[in-house]
Amino acid sequence: MTSIKQQQLIHHTDYPGAEPAIVFVHGFTCDEADWAYQVKHFGVVGQRIITLDLPGHGKSMSCNTSTLTMKAMGSEVVTMLHHLRVKSTIVVGHSMGTIIATEIATQAPDMVIGVALIDGSRIAKGDPEEAVAKSNARFEQVGFTRCVTDIFEPMFLPGSDEKEKEHIIDRACAQPEYTSIKILSSAIRWCAADFEYKYSQLKVPVQVVQSTHRGEGNKRVPVTSDMHIEWHNELKTFGVDVEFDLVADCGHFAMLDKPEVVNTNIERLLERIEAATAQYSSASAQ
């Protein structure tokens, strides 16, 4: 295992193994530590694993503010992957990381062969600047710490691990206010303005794990097996090659709450890619 931080690269940890590499992308105000269960699981089977801290997060906090957009974050990860000479990869993103995973896949289609989206959502529609203004007004009204806490509290179930919950919320509240609001504003703009175009460009197998959903009033609630989730239907409308797994009785951090479910879905994605490759090879040989 090598852990590298160079001035021109975001912080990352590269665990050697076989490709395709699995690149794990955390969510808003989070960091690479959220993938500990997946690193352990896939490390045992000899898969190459790369975790990272996105610009404005964790050990990549000191990056240039110009990198605090969804597109720029995706570009920073692609630059890192080229530096590491990654030939093929699947990208696993959680929450806001699902946006970055989609950016990585569309910016590096020669490298990315599959995408897993862990509890993503579409947080805005309509006029992007109106949506950003509404979000910013909430921060001004109740203050940064209260607003962030209100965002994160519904991500956990009543029986969630209290120490884990406290750590995740404290970590989010400790982020620099300017950085966090700038990043969240970019995520809102992306969902309102770029969602359709970016997802319609996904030409690789996609695996979606959904454990919570933004329901009435944009309030986050746990999913049920029969729940209608609009952005799932949008992916199908765009022609994305996608499978869905609705995970009941699980908080937003599915990779921590039910790591075996997330691991199984990543394995399923690898199987789908292998089957598609075999089918293509067989057809080419005829």
C-alpha atoms as a PDB file:
ATOM      1  CA  MET A   1       0.000   0.000   0.000  1.00  0.00           C
ATOM      2  CA  THR A   2       1.274   3.449  -0.856  1.00  0.00           C
ATOM      3  CA  SER A   3      -0.165   6.714   0.396  1.00  0.00           C
ATOM      4  CA  ILE A   4       0.818   9.733  -1.674  1.00  0.00           C
ATOM      5  CA  LYS A   5       0.143  13.428  -1.492  1.00  0.00           C
ATOM      6  CA  GLN A   6       1.815  15.549  -4.106  1.00  0.00           C
ATOM      7  CA  GLN A   7       1.168  19.196  -4.732  1.00  0.00           C
ATOM      8  CA  GLN A   8      -0.451  18.647  -8.097  1.00  0.00           C
ATOM      9  CA  LEU A   9      -2.580  15.676  -7.017  1.00  0.00           C
ATOM     10  CA  ILE A  10      -5.445  15.221  -4.606  1.00  0.00           C
ATOM     11  CA  HIS A  11      -4.722  12.991  -1.636  1.00  0.00           C
ATOM     12  CA  HIS A  12      -5.185   9.310  -2.443  1.00  0.00           C
ATOM     13  CA  THR A  13      -4.270   5.844  -1.220  1.00  0.00           C
ATOM     14  CA  ASP A  14      -3.419   3.176  -3.790  1.00  0.00           C
ATOM     15  CA  TYR A  15      -3.719  -0.452  -2.663  1.00  0.00           C
ATOM     16  CA  PRO A  16      -1.974  -2.699  -5.212  1.00  0.00           C
ATOM     17  CA  GLY A  17      -3.873  -5.521  -6.876  1.00  0.00           C
ATOM     18  CA  ALA A  18      -5.472  -6.650 -10.097  1.00  0.00           C
ATOM     19  CA  GLU A  19      -7.355  -4.335 -12.412  1.00  0.00           C
ATOM     20  CA  PRO A  20      -9.954  -3.195 -13.026  1.00  0.00           C
ATOM     21  CA  ALA A  21      -9.147  -0.921 -10.135  1.00  0.00           C
ATOM     22  CA  ILE A  22     -12.025   0.023  -7.858  1.00  0.00           C
ATOM     23  CA  VAL A  23     -12.006   3.768  -7.210  1.00  0.00           C
ATOM     24  CA  PHE A  24     -14.066   4.880  -4.223  1.00  0.00           C
ATOM     25  CA  VAL A  25     -15.415   8.450  -4.162  1.00  0.00           C
ATOM     26  CA  HIS A  26     -16.871   9.810  -0.915  1.00  0.00           C
ATOM     27  CA  GLY A  27     -19.691  12.291  -0.482  1.00  0.00           C
ATOM     28  CA  PHE A  28     -20.162  15.878   0.708  1.00  0.00           C
ATOM     29  CA  THR A  29     -17.930  16.804   3.705  1.00  0.00           C
ATOM     30  CA  CYS A  30     -16.702  13.202   3.957  1.00  0.00           C
ATOM     31  CA  ASP A  31     -13.378  11.481   3.229  1.00  0.00           C
ATOM     32  CA  GLU A  32     -11.706   8.235   2.172  1.00  0.00           C
ATOM     33  CA  ALA A  33     -12.142   6.623   5.604  1.00  0.00           C
ATOM     34  CA  ASP A  34     -15.829   5.967   4.837  1.00  0.00           C
ATOM     35  CA  TRP A  35     -14.816   3.044   2.590  1.00  0.00           C
ATOM     36  CA  ALA A  36     -12.927   1.021   5.236  1.00  0.00           C
ATOM     37  CA  TYR A  37     -15.193  -2.043   4.933  1.00  0.00           C
ATOM     38  CA  GLN A  38     -14.901  -2.093   1.147  1.00  0.00           C
ATOM     39  CA  VAL A  39     -11.113  -1.690   1.242  1.00  0.00           C
ATOM     40  CA  LYS A  40     -10.860  -4.661   3.576  1.00  0.00           C
ATOM     41  CA  HIS A  41     -13.257  -6.841   1.564  1.00  0.00           C
ATOM     42  CA  PHE A  42     -11.827  -6.248  -1.899  1.00  0.00           C
ATOM     43  CA  GLY A  43      -8.265  -6.155  -0.666  1.00  0.00           C
ATOM     44  CA  VAL A  44      -8.608  -9.744   0.504  1.00  0.00           C
ATOM     45  CA  VAL A  45      -9.516 -10.893  -3.008  1.00  0.00           C
ATOM     46  CA  GLY A  46      -6.573  -9.030  -4.556  1.00  0.00           C
ATOM     47  CA  GLN A  47      -8.387  -6.190  -6.306  1.00  0.00           C
ATOM     48  CA  ARG A  48      -6.567  -2.909  -6.865  1.00  0.00           C
ATOM     49  CA  ILE A  49      -8.285  -0.265  -4.748  1.00  0.00           C
ATOM     50  CA  ILE A  50      -7.913   3.503  -4.796  1.00  0.00           C
ATOM     51  CA  THR A  51      -9.466   5.762  -2.181  1.00  0.00           C
ATOM     52  CA  LEU A  52      -9.177   9.544  -2.186  1.00  0.00           C
ATOM     53  CA  ASP A  53     -10.122  12.825  -0.608  1.00  0.00           C
ATOM     54  CA  LEU A  54     -11.869  15.137  -3.045  1.00  0.00           C
ATOM     55  CA  PRO A  55     -10.787  18.771  -3.296  1.00  0.00           C
ATOM     56  CA  GLY A  56     -11.983  20.693  -0.249  1.00  0.00           C
ATOM     57  CA  HIS A  57     -12.185  17.527   1.860  1.00  0.00           C
ATOM     58  CA  GLY A  58      -9.950  15.650   4.276  1.00  0.00           C
ATOM     59  CA  LYS A  59      -6.286  15.785   3.323  1.00  0.00           C
ATOM     60  CA  SER A  60      -7.123  17.616   0.081  1.00  0.00           C
ATOM     61  CA  MET A  61      -8.483  20.611   1.991  1.00  0.00           C
ATOM     62  CA  SER A  62      -5.758  23.009   0.851  1.00  0.00           C
ATOM     63  CA  CYS A  63      -6.485  22.707  -2.872  1.00  0.00           C
ATOM     64  CA  ASN A  64      -7.258  25.665  -5.121  1.00  0.00           C
ATOM     65  CA  THR A  65     -10.838  26.946  -4.821  1.00  0.00           C
ATOM     66  CA  SER A  66     -11.217  26.633  -8.605  1.00  0.00           C
ATOM     67  CA  THR A  67     -11.400  22.861  -8.087  1.00  0.00           C
ATOM     68  CA  LEU A  68     -14.525  23.035  -5.901  1.00  0.00           C
ATOM     69  CA  THR A  69     -17.028  22.289  -8.680  1.00  0.00           C
ATOM     70  CA  MET A  70     -18.408  18.913  -9.694  1.00  0.00           C
ATOM     71  CA  LYS A  71     -16.709  19.018 -13.097  1.00  0.00           C
ATOM     72  CA  ALA A  72     -13.360  20.131 -11.661  1.00  0.00           C
ATOM     73  CA  MET A  73     -13.460  17.484  -8.946  1.00  0.00           C
ATOM     74  CA  GLY A  74     -14.041  14.831 -11.587  1.00  0.00           C
ATOM     75  CA  SER A  75     -11.119  16.219 -13.572  1.00  0.00           C
ATOM     76  CA  GLU A  76      -8.854  16.112 -10.508  1.00  0.00           C
ATOM     77  CA  VAL A  77      -9.651  12.424 -10.020  1.00  0.00           C
ATOM     78  CA  VAL A  78      -9.042  11.664 -13.710  1.00  0.00           C
ATOM     79  CA  THR A  79      -5.673  13.424 -13.506  1.00  0.00           C
ATOM     80  CA  MET A  80      -4.780  11.314 -10.478  1.00  0.00           C
ATOM     81  CA  LEU A  81      -5.804   8.083 -12.240  1.00  0.00           C
ATOM     82  CA  HIS A  82      -3.664   8.909 -15.265  1.00  0.00           C
ATOM     83  CA  HIS A  83      -0.757   9.659 -12.931  1.00  0.00           C
ATOM     84  CA  LEU A  84      -1.227   6.226 -11.345  1.00  0.00           C
ATOM     85  CA  ARG A  85      -1.290   4.650 -14.821  1.00  0.00           C
ATOM     86  CA  VAL A  86      -4.682   3.067 -14.284  1.00  0.00           C
ATOM     87  CA  LYS A  87      -5.776   1.217 -17.414  1.00  0.00           C
ATOM     88  CA  SER A  88      -9.301   0.226 -16.428  1.00  0.00           C
ATOM     89  CA  THR A  89     -11.491   1.012 -13.453  1.00  0.00           C
ATOM     90  CA  ILE A  90     -14.947   0.936 -12.000  1.00  0.00           C
ATOM     91  CA  VAL A  91     -15.891   4.016 -10.014  1.00  0.00           C
ATOM     92  CA  VAL A  92     -18.007   3.751  -6.865  1.00  0.00           C
ATOM     93  CA  GLY A  93     -19.523   7.001  -5.614  1.00  0.00           C
ATOM     94  CA  HIS A  94     -21.576   7.727  -2.511  1.00  0.00           C
ATOM     95  CA  SER A  95     -24.104  10.567  -2.231  1.00  0.00           C
ATOM     96  CA  MET A  96     -22.492  13.632  -3.859  1.00  0.00           C
ATOM     97  CA  GLY A  97     -19.802  11.182  -4.953  1.00  0.00           C
ATOM     98  CA  THR A  98     -22.316   9.712  -7.407  1.00  0.00           C
ATOM     99  CA  ILE A  99     -22.125  13.017  -9.300  1.00  0.00           C
ATOM    100  CA  ILE A 100     -18.330  12.897  -9.285  1.00  0.00           C
ATOM    101  CA  ALA A 101     -18.379   9.237 -10.376  1.00  0.00           C
ATOM    102  CA  THR A 102     -20.549  10.217 -13.345  1.00  0.00           C
ATOM    103  CA  GLU A 103     -18.182  13.059 -14.189  1.00  0.00           C
ATOM    104  CA  ILE A 104     -15.187  10.708 -14.055  1.00  0.00           C
ATOM    105  CA  ALA A 105     -16.924   8.193 -16.319  1.00  0.00           C
ATOM    106  CA  THR A 106     -17.876  10.801 -18.911  1.00  0.00           C
ATOM    107  CA  GLN A 107     -14.485  12.531 -18.800  1.00  0.00           C
ATOM    108  CA  ALA A 108     -12.491   9.274 -19.082  1.00  0.00           C
ATOM    109  CA  PRO A 109     -14.618   6.859 -21.143  1.00  0.00           C
ATOM    110  CA  ASP A 110     -11.495   5.009 -22.280  1.00  0.00           C
ATOM    111  CA  MET A 111     -10.694   4.102 -18.683  1.00  0.00           C
ATOM    112  CA  VAL A 112     -13.996   3.679 -16.824  1.00  0.00           C
ATOM    113  CA  ILE A 113     -15.786   0.393 -17.539  1.00  0.00           C
ATOM    114  CA  GLY A 114     -18.490   0.544 -14.873  1.00  0.00           C
ATOM    115  CA  VAL A 115     -20.077   2.801 -12.250  1.00  0.00           C
ATOM    116  CA  ALA A 116     -21.746   2.081  -8.909  1.00  0.00           C
ATOM    117  CA  LEU A 117     -23.957   4.787  -7.417  1.00  0.00           C
ATOM    118  CA  ILE A 118     -24.507   4.422  -3.664  1.00  0.00           C
ATOM    119  CA  ASP A 119     -27.545   6.333  -2.371  1.00  0.00           C
ATOM    120  CA  GLY A 120     -27.396   9.160  -4.844  1.00  0.00           C
ATOM    121  CA  SER A 121     -30.251  11.554  -5.508  1.00  0.00           C
ATOM    122  CA  ARG A 122     -31.260  14.497  -7.613  1.00  0.00           C
ATOM    123  CA  ILE A 123     -31.223  17.408  -5.188  1.00  0.00           C
ATOM    124  CA  ALA A 124     -32.474  20.133  -7.552  1.00  0.00           C
ATOM    125  CA  LYS A 125     -34.504  20.756 -10.683  1.00  0.00           C
ATOM    126  CA  GLY A 126     -35.559  23.868 -12.560  1.00  0.00           C
ATOM    127  CA  ASP A 127     -33.616  27.116 -12.490  1.00  0.00           C
ATOM    128  CA  PRO A 128     -30.190  26.336 -10.999  1.00  0.00           C
ATOM    129  CA  GLU A 129     -29.578  29.825  -9.600  1.00  0.00           C
ATOM    130  CA  GLU A 130     -32.958  29.891  -7.885  1.00  0.00           C
ATOM    131  CA  ALA A 131     -32.154  26.533  -6.292  1.00  0.00           C
ATOM    132  CA  VAL A 132     -28.742  27.792  -5.114  1.00  0.00           C
ATOM    133  CA  ALA A 133     -30.273  30.988  -3.739  1.00  0.00           C
ATOM    134  CA  LYS A 134     -32.810  28.953  -1.765  1.00  0.00           C
ATOM    135  CA  SER A 135     -30.046  26.793  -0.296  1.00  0.00           C
ATOM    136  CA  ASN A 136     -27.901  29.803   0.587  1.00  0.00           C
ATOM    137  CA  ALA A 137     -30.855  31.545   2.216  1.00  0.00           C
ATOM    138  CA  ARG A 138     -31.269  28.567   4.524  1.00  0.00           C
ATOM    139  CA  PHE A 139     -27.631  28.840   5.638  1.00  0.00           C
ATOM    140  CA  GLU A 140     -28.099  32.550   6.315  1.00  0.00           C
ATOM    141  CA  GLN A 141     -31.339  31.950   8.198  1.00  0.00           C
ATOM    142  CA  VAL A 142     -30.248  29.274  10.668  1.00  0.00           C
ATOM    143  CA  GLY A 143     -26.445  29.359  10.503  1.00  0.00           C
ATOM    144  CA  PHE A 144     -23.913  26.942   9.063  1.00  0.00           C
ATOM    145  CA  THR A 145     -23.723  24.402  11.888  1.00  0.00           C
ATOM    146  CA  ARG A 146     -27.483  24.108  12.331  1.00  0.00           C
ATOM    147  CA  CYS A 147     -28.043  23.841   8.579  1.00  0.00           C
ATOM    148  CA  VAL A 148     -25.415  21.115   8.132  1.00  0.00           C
ATOM    149  CA  THR A 149     -26.770  19.225  11.132  1.00  0.00           C
ATOM    150  CA  ASP A 150     -30.273  19.410   9.671  1.00  0.00           C
ATOM    151  CA  ILE A 151     -28.944  17.981   6.399  1.00  0.00           C
ATOM    152  CA  PHE A 152     -27.183  15.067   8.071  1.00  0.00           C
ATOM    153  CA  GLU A 153     -29.556  14.084  10.915  1.00  0.00           C
ATOM    154  CA  PRO A 154     -32.132  12.392   8.617  1.00  0.00           C
ATOM    155  CA  MET A 155     -29.366  10.265   7.085  1.00  0.00           C
ATOM    156  CA  PHE A 156     -29.413   8.027  10.138  1.00  0.00           C
ATOM    157  CA  LEU A 157     -32.014   5.616  11.489  1.00  0.00           C
ATOM    158  CA  PRO A 158     -33.088   5.580  15.152  1.00  0.00           C
ATOM    159  CA  GLY A 159     -30.902   2.505  15.731  1.00  0.00           C
ATOM    160  CA  SER A 160     -27.809   3.877  13.979  1.00  0.00           C
ATOM    161  CA  ASP A 161     -24.451   3.666  15.706  1.00  0.00           C
ATOM    162  CA  GLU A 162     -24.335   6.824  17.816  1.00  0.00           C
ATOM    163  CA  LYS A 163     -20.540   7.203  17.776  1.00  0.00           C
ATOM    164  CA  GLU A 164     -20.460   6.840  14.007  1.00  0.00           C
ATOM    165  CA  LYS A 165     -23.312   9.315  13.618  1.00  0.00           C
ATOM    166  CA  GLU A 166     -21.632  11.827  15.916  1.00  0.00           C
ATOM    167  CA  HIS A 167     -18.334  11.495  14.069  1.00  0.00           C
ATOM    168  CA  ILE A 168     -19.913  12.047  10.648  1.00  0.00           C
ATOM    169  CA  ILE A 169     -21.947  15.084  11.750  1.00  0.00           C
ATOM    170  CA  ASP A 170     -19.042  16.619  13.694  1.00  0.00           C
ATOM    171  CA  ARG A 171     -16.781  16.132  10.668  1.00  0.00           C
ATOM    172  CA  ALA A 172     -19.299  17.887   8.429  1.00  0.00           C
ATOM    173  CA  CYS A 173     -19.752  20.807  10.818  1.00  0.00           C
ATOM    174  CA  ALA A 174     -15.977  21.223  11.129  1.00  0.00           C
ATOM    175  CA  GLN A 175     -15.579  21.885   7.395  1.00  0.00           C
ATOM    176  CA  PRO A 176     -14.844  25.485   6.352  1.00  0.00           C
ATOM    177  CA  GLU A 177     -18.153  27.243   5.739  1.00  0.00           C
ATOM    178  CA  TYR A 178     -17.111  28.925   2.493  1.00  0.00           C
ATOM    179  CA  THR A 179     -15.749  25.693   1.030  1.00  0.00           C
ATOM    180  CA  SER A 180     -18.786  23.612   1.965  1.00  0.00           C
ATOM    181  CA  ILE A 181     -21.325  26.108   0.627  1.00  0.00           C
ATOM    182  CA  LYS A 182     -19.385  26.500  -2.607  1.00  0.00           C
ATOM    183  CA  ILE A 183     -19.277  22.720  -3.106  1.00  0.00           C
ATOM    184  CA  LEU A 184     -22.956  22.254  -2.247  1.00  0.00           C
ATOM    185  CA  SER A 185     -23.907  25.080  -4.605  1.00  0.00           C
ATOM    186  CA  SER A 186     -22.041  23.355  -7.420  1.00  0.00           C
ATOM    187  CA  ALA A 187     -23.818  20.061  -6.689  1.00  0.00           C
ATOM    188  CA  ILE A 188     -27.170  21.868  -6.819  1.00  0.00           C
ATOM    189  CA  ARG A 189     -26.301  23.516 -10.134  1.00  0.00           C
ATOM    190  CA  TRP A 190     -25.155  20.174 -11.571  1.00  0.00           C
ATOM    191  CA  CYS A 191     -28.406  18.433 -10.636  1.00  0.00           C
ATOM    192  CA  ALA A 192     -30.535  21.264 -11.994  1.00  0.00           C
ATOM    193  CA  ALA A 193     -28.598  21.979 -15.189  1.00  0.00           C
ATOM    194  CA  ASP A 194     -26.401  19.001 -16.101  1.00  0.00           C
ATOM    195  CA  PHE A 195     -28.181  15.910 -14.781  1.00  0.00           C
ATOM    196  CA  GLU A 196     -29.921  14.861 -18.001  1.00  0.00           C
ATOM    197  CA  TYR A 197     -26.965  15.444 -20.287  1.00  0.00           C
ATOM    198  CA  LYS A 198     -24.343  13.814 -18.059  1.00  0.00           C
ATOM    199  CA  TYR A 199     -26.334  10.672 -17.271  1.00  0.00           C
ATOM    200  CA  SER A 200     -27.365  10.256 -20.891  1.00  0.00           C
ATOM    201  CA  GLN A 201     -23.639  10.048 -21.683  1.00  0.00           C
ATOM    202  CA  LEU A 202     -23.095   7.023 -19.422  1.00  0.00           C
ATOM    203  CA  LYS A 203     -22.372   4.133 -21.789  1.00  0.00           C
ATOM    204  CA  VAL A 204     -21.116   1.590 -19.222  1.00  0.00           C
ATOM    205  CA  PRO A 205     -22.963  -0.763 -16.852  1.00  0.00           C
ATOM    206  CA  VAL A 206     -24.310   1.051 -13.796  1.00  0.00           C
ATOM    207  CA  GLN A 207     -25.266  -0.431 -10.436  1.00  0.00           C
ATOM    208  CA  VAL A 208     -27.492   1.654  -8.147  1.00  0.00           C
ATOM    209  CA  VAL A 209     -27.829   0.984  -4.415  1.00  0.00           C
ATOM    210  CA  GLN A 210     -30.599   3.073  -2.848  1.00  0.00           C
ATOM    211  CA  SER A 211     -31.171   3.115   0.905  1.00  0.00           C
ATOM    212  CA  THR A 212     -32.774   6.534   1.414  1.00  0.00           C
ATOM    213  CA  HIS A 213     -34.810   8.868  -0.746  1.00  0.00           C
ATOM    214  CA  ARG A 214     -35.706  12.539  -0.785  1.00  0.00           C
ATOM    215  CA  GLY A 215     -39.463  12.505  -0.405  1.00  0.00           C
ATOM    216  CA  GLU A 216     -42.071  15.205   0.171  1.00  0.00           C
ATOM    217  CA  GLY A 217     -40.507  18.559   0.916  1.00  0.00           C
ATOM    218  CA  ASN A 218     -37.123  17.139  -0.111  1.00  0.00           C
ATOM    219  CA  LYS A 219     -36.969  15.359   3.259  1.00  0.00           C
ATOM    220  CA  ARG A 220     -34.755  12.269   3.351  1.00  0.00           C
ATOM    221  CA  VAL A 221     -36.599   9.053   4.259  1.00  0.00           C
ATOM    222  CA  PRO A 222     -35.653   5.340   4.215  1.00  0.00           C
ATOM    223  CA  VAL A 223     -36.655   3.479   1.055  1.00  0.00           C
ATOM    224  CA  THR A 224     -39.192   0.693   0.774  1.00  0.00           C
ATOM    225  CA  SER A 225     -39.169  -2.111  -1.793  1.00  0.00           C
ATOM    226  CA  ASP A 226     -42.144  -0.621  -3.671  1.00  0.00           C
ATOM    227  CA  MET A 227     -41.031   3.022  -3.557  1.00  0.00           C
ATOM    228  CA  HIS A 228     -41.201   5.111  -6.728  1.00  0.00           C
ATOM    229  CA  ILE A 229     -37.942   7.010  -7.183  1.00  0.00           C
ATOM    230  CA  GLU A 230     -38.086   9.531 -10.001  1.00  0.00           C
ATOM    231  CA  TRP A 231     -34.381   9.776 -10.788  1.00  0.00           C
ATOM    232  CA  HIS A 232     -34.242   5.979 -11.262  1.00  0.00           C
ATOM    233  CA  ASN A 233     -36.872   6.264 -13.956  1.00  0.00           C
ATOM    234  CA  GLU A 234     -34.931   9.109 -15.522  1.00  0.00           C
ATOM    235  CA  LEU A 235     -31.842   6.890 -15.818  1.00  0.00           C
ATOM    236  CA  LYS A 236     -33.909   4.255 -17.626  1.00  0.00           C
ATOM    237  CA  THR A 237     -35.376   6.932 -19.904  1.00  0.00           C
ATOM    238  CA  PHE A 238     -31.839   7.996 -20.837  1.00  0.00           C
ATOM    239  CA  GLY A 239     -31.072   4.416 -21.896  1.00  0.00           C
ATOM    240  CA  VAL A 240     -28.553   3.756 -19.111  1.00  0.00           C
ATOM    241  CA  ASP A 241     -27.665   0.068 -18.668  1.00  0.00           C
ATOM    242  CA  VAL A 242     -28.649   0.048 -15.004  1.00  0.00           C
ATOM    243  CA  GLU A 243     -29.666  -2.322 -12.216  1.00  0.00           C
ATOM    244  CA  PHE A 244     -31.273  -1.116  -8.975  1.00  0.00           C
ATOM    245  CA  ASP A 245     -31.124  -2.509  -5.454  1.00  0.00           C
ATOM    246  CA  LEU A 246     -33.481  -0.894  -2.922  1.00  0.00           C
ATOM    247  CA  VAL A 247     -32.103  -1.546   0.566  1.00  0.00           C
ATOM    248  CA  ALA A 248     -34.624  -1.277   3.397  1.00  0.00           C
ATOM    249  CA  ASP A 249     -33.828  -0.561   7.054  1.00  0.00           C
ATOM    250  CA  CYS A 250     -30.591   1.206   6.210  1.00  0.00           C
ATOM    251  CA  GLY A 251     -29.317   4.749   6.630  1.00  0.00           C
ATOM    252  CA  HIS A 252     -27.718   6.955   3.998  1.00  0.00           C
ATOM    253  CA  PHE A 253     -24.218   5.594   4.634  1.00  0.00           C
ATOM    254  CA  ALA A 254     -25.023   2.165   3.250  1.00  0.00           C
ATOM    255  CA  MET A 255     -21.351   1.224   2.885  1.00  0.00           C
ATOM    256  CA  LEU A 256     -21.049   1.562   6.673  1.00  0.00           C
ATOM    257  CA  ASP A 257     -24.517   0.391   7.760  1.00  0.00           C
ATOM    258  CA  LYS A 258     -24.757  -2.607   5.426  1.00  0.00           C
ATOM    259  CA  PRO A 259     -21.308  -3.082   3.885  1.00  0.00           C
ATOM    260  CA  GLU A 260     -22.120  -6.593   2.689  1.00  0.00           C
ATOM    261  CA  VAL A 261     -24.937  -5.230   0.508  1.00  0.00           C
ATOM    262  CA  VAL A 262     -22.681  -2.630  -1.079  1.00  0.00           C
ATOM    263  CA  ASN A 263     -19.903  -5.187  -1.564  1.00  0.00           C
ATOM    264  CA  THR A 264     -22.317  -7.621  -3.205  1.00  0.00           C
ATOM    265  CA  ASN A 265     -23.512  -4.928  -5.611  1.00  0.00           C
ATOM    266  CA  ILE A 266     -19.950  -4.040  -6.576  1.00  0.00           C
ATOM    267  CA  GLU A 267     -19.296  -7.741  -7.201  1.00  0.00           C
ATOM    268  CA  ARG A 268     -22.473  -7.877  -9.279  1.00  0.00           C
ATOM    269  CA  LEU A 269     -21.223  -4.944 -11.351  1.00  0.00           C
ATOM    270  CA  LEU A 270     -17.917  -6.738 -11.958  1.00  0.00           C
ATOM    271  CA  GLU A 271     -19.842  -9.853 -13.041  1.00  0.00           C
ATOM    272  CA  ARG A 272     -21.969  -7.840 -15.467  1.00  0.00           C
ATOM    273  CA  ILE A 273     -18.856  -6.266 -16.984  1.00  0.00           C
ATOM    274  CA  GLU A 274     -17.173  -9.662 -17.324  1.00  0.00           C
ATOM    275  CA  ALA A 275     -20.266 -11.169 -18.956  1.00  0.00           C
ATOM    276  CA  ALA A 276     -20.561  -8.263 -21.398  1.00  0.00           C
ATOM    277  CA  THR A 277     -16.869  -8.578 -22.289  1.00  0.00           C
ATOM    278  CA  ALA A 278     -17.204 -12.321 -22.882  1.00  0.00           C
ATOM    279  CA  GLN A 279     -20.264 -11.793 -25.053  1.00  0.00           C
ATOM    280  CA  TYR A 280     -18.466  -9.153 -27.114  1.00  0.00           C
ATOM    281  CA  SER A 281     -15.413 -11.401 -27.545  1.00  0.00           C
ATOM    282  CA  SER A 282     -17.601 -14.315 -28.631  1.00  0.00           C
ATOM    283  CA  ALA A 283     -19.456 -12.169 -31.156  1.00  0.00           C
ATOM    284  CA  SER A 284     -16.192 -10.757 -32.521  1.00  0.00           C
ATOM    285  CA  ALA A 285     -14.796 -14.255 -33.031  1.00  0.00           C
ATOM    286  CA  GLN A 286     -17.723 -15.335 -35.192  1.00  0.00           C
END
